[in-house]
Amino acid sequence: MLDLLTLPFRLVFGILFGLLALPFALLALPLALLFIPFLILRLLFKAAVALFVLPFVALAVFIALAAAFVAVAFALIVPLLPLALLVFGIWAIVRMASKPAVSF
């Protein structure tokens, strides 16, 4: 709400100081053009570093996804282990108690 109340003052002062700073910005424009080669050089360095680091980042992401997959699989399987152990015990008891099949 305070932003809406102060909006007219911010607009007036922003336009006023923007117009006052315009001649200085126009005078500084030729100096700003001198920085373009440095900006291009910075872009080239960043691109080279990105191309060098990208395979390592991709490998780290792959390892993290594999670890997450294993963690989710264990999180889903571990609660079912007591039930699986109970079923295996009943199966083993029934198998040992049943008569062996007769083969000729």
Protein backbone atom coordinates (compact mmCIF):
# COMPACT_ATOMS: atom_id res chain seq x y z
CA MET A 1 0.00 0.00 0.00
CA LEU A 2 2.88 2.34 0.76
CA ASP A 3 4.23 1.73 -2.74
CA LEU A 4 0.97 2.91 -4.26
CA LEU A 5 0.90 6.00 -2.04
CA THR A 6 4.43 7.05 -2.98
CA LEU A 7 4.10 6.16 -6.68
CA PRO A 8 3.43 9.71 -7.96
CA PHE A 9 6.43 11.10 -6.07
CA ARG A 10 8.69 8.32 -7.30
CA LEU A 11 7.55 8.90 -10.89
CA VAL A 12 8.13 12.67 -10.72
CA PHE A 13 11.53 12.43 -9.07
CA GLY A 14 12.58 9.54 -11.31
CA ILE A 15 11.73 11.47 -14.48
CA LEU A 16 13.32 14.68 -13.13
CA PHE A 17 16.62 13.08 -12.13
CA GLY A 18 16.60 10.98 -15.30
CA LEU A 19 16.41 14.13 -17.42
CA LEU A 20 19.14 15.76 -15.34
CA ALA A 21 21.42 12.74 -15.79
CA LEU A 22 20.78 12.41 -19.55
CA PRO A 23 23.60 14.80 -20.68
CA PHE A 24 26.11 12.97 -18.52
CA ALA A 25 24.98 9.62 -19.93
CA LEU A 26 25.36 10.95 -23.49
CA LEU A 27 28.87 12.21 -22.67
CA ALA A 28 29.81 8.84 -21.19
CA LEU A 29 28.56 6.89 -24.24
CA PRO A 30 31.90 7.03 -26.18
CA LEU A 31 33.71 5.77 -23.10
CA ALA A 32 31.21 2.96 -22.80
CA LEU A 33 32.01 1.88 -26.37
CA LEU A 34 35.62 1.31 -25.29
CA PHE A 35 34.43 -1.45 -22.95
CA ILE A 36 32.80 -3.56 -25.70
CA PRO A 37 35.98 -5.56 -26.51
CA PHE A 38 36.40 -6.35 -22.82
CA LEU A 39 32.79 -7.49 -22.61
CA ILE A 40 33.32 -9.77 -25.62
CA LEU A 41 36.50 -11.13 -24.03
CA ARG A 42 34.60 -11.81 -20.80
CA LEU A 43 31.92 -13.64 -22.79
CA LEU A 44 34.56 -15.79 -24.49
CA PHE A 45 36.18 -16.69 -21.15
CA LYS A 46 32.82 -17.58 -19.64
CA ALA A 47 31.95 -19.74 -22.66
CA ALA A 48 35.31 -21.53 -22.51
CA VAL A 49 34.92 -22.22 -18.79
CA ALA A 50 31.34 -23.40 -19.34
CA LEU A 51 32.44 -25.80 -22.09
CA PHE A 52 35.21 -27.13 -19.86
CA VAL A 53 33.00 -27.54 -16.77
CA LEU A 54 29.87 -28.82 -18.55
CA PRO A 55 30.98 -32.49 -18.81
CA PHE A 56 31.79 -32.60 -15.11
CA VAL A 57 28.45 -31.06 -14.22
CA ALA A 58 26.64 -33.54 -16.47
CA LEU A 59 28.48 -36.43 -14.78
CA ALA A 60 27.61 -35.10 -11.34
CA VAL A 61 23.94 -34.78 -12.33
CA PHE A 62 23.93 -38.34 -13.68
CA ILE A 63 25.48 -39.68 -10.46
CA ALA A 64 23.01 -37.69 -8.35
CA LEU A 65 20.05 -39.02 -10.36
CA ALA A 66 21.32 -42.59 -10.02
CA ALA A 67 21.76 -42.16 -6.26
CA ALA A 68 18.26 -40.67 -6.00
CA PHE A 69 16.82 -43.60 -7.97
CA VAL A 70 18.52 -46.10 -5.66
CA ALA A 71 17.32 -44.18 -2.58
CA VAL A 72 13.72 -44.16 -3.82
CA ALA A 73 13.90 -47.86 -4.66
CA PHE A 74 15.17 -48.67 -1.15
CA ALA A 75 12.55 -46.39 0.38
CA LEU A 76 9.85 -48.36 -1.41
CA ILE A 77 11.30 -51.84 -0.80
CA VAL A 78 12.47 -51.63 2.83
CA PRO A 79 8.96 -51.31 4.36
CA LEU A 80 7.89 -54.43 2.44
CA LEU A 81 10.79 -56.58 3.69
CA PRO A 82 9.01 -57.86 6.87
CA LEU A 83 6.01 -58.91 4.78
CA ALA A 84 8.30 -60.62 2.24
CA LEU A 85 10.13 -62.41 5.08
CA LEU A 86 6.81 -63.62 6.53
CA VAL A 87 5.65 -64.88 3.13
CA PHE A 88 8.97 -66.65 2.56
CA GLY A 89 8.77 -68.32 5.99
CA ILE A 90 5.24 -69.59 5.35
CA TRP A 91 6.27 -70.83 1.91
CA ALA A 92 9.29 -72.67 3.37
CA ILE A 93 7.17 -74.30 6.11
CA VAL A 94 4.50 -75.40 3.61
CA ARG A 95 7.14 -76.75 1.22
CA MET A 96 8.89 -78.78 3.96
CA ALA A 97 5.57 -80.11 5.32
CA SER A 98 4.13 -81.21 1.96
CA LYS A 99 4.72 -84.65 0.57
CA PRO A 100 7.41 -84.93 -2.08
CA ALA A 101 6.20 -85.56 -5.59
CA VAL A 102 6.57 -89.13 -6.74
CA SER A 103 8.58 -89.50 -9.93
CA PHE A 104 8.84 -92.74 -11.92
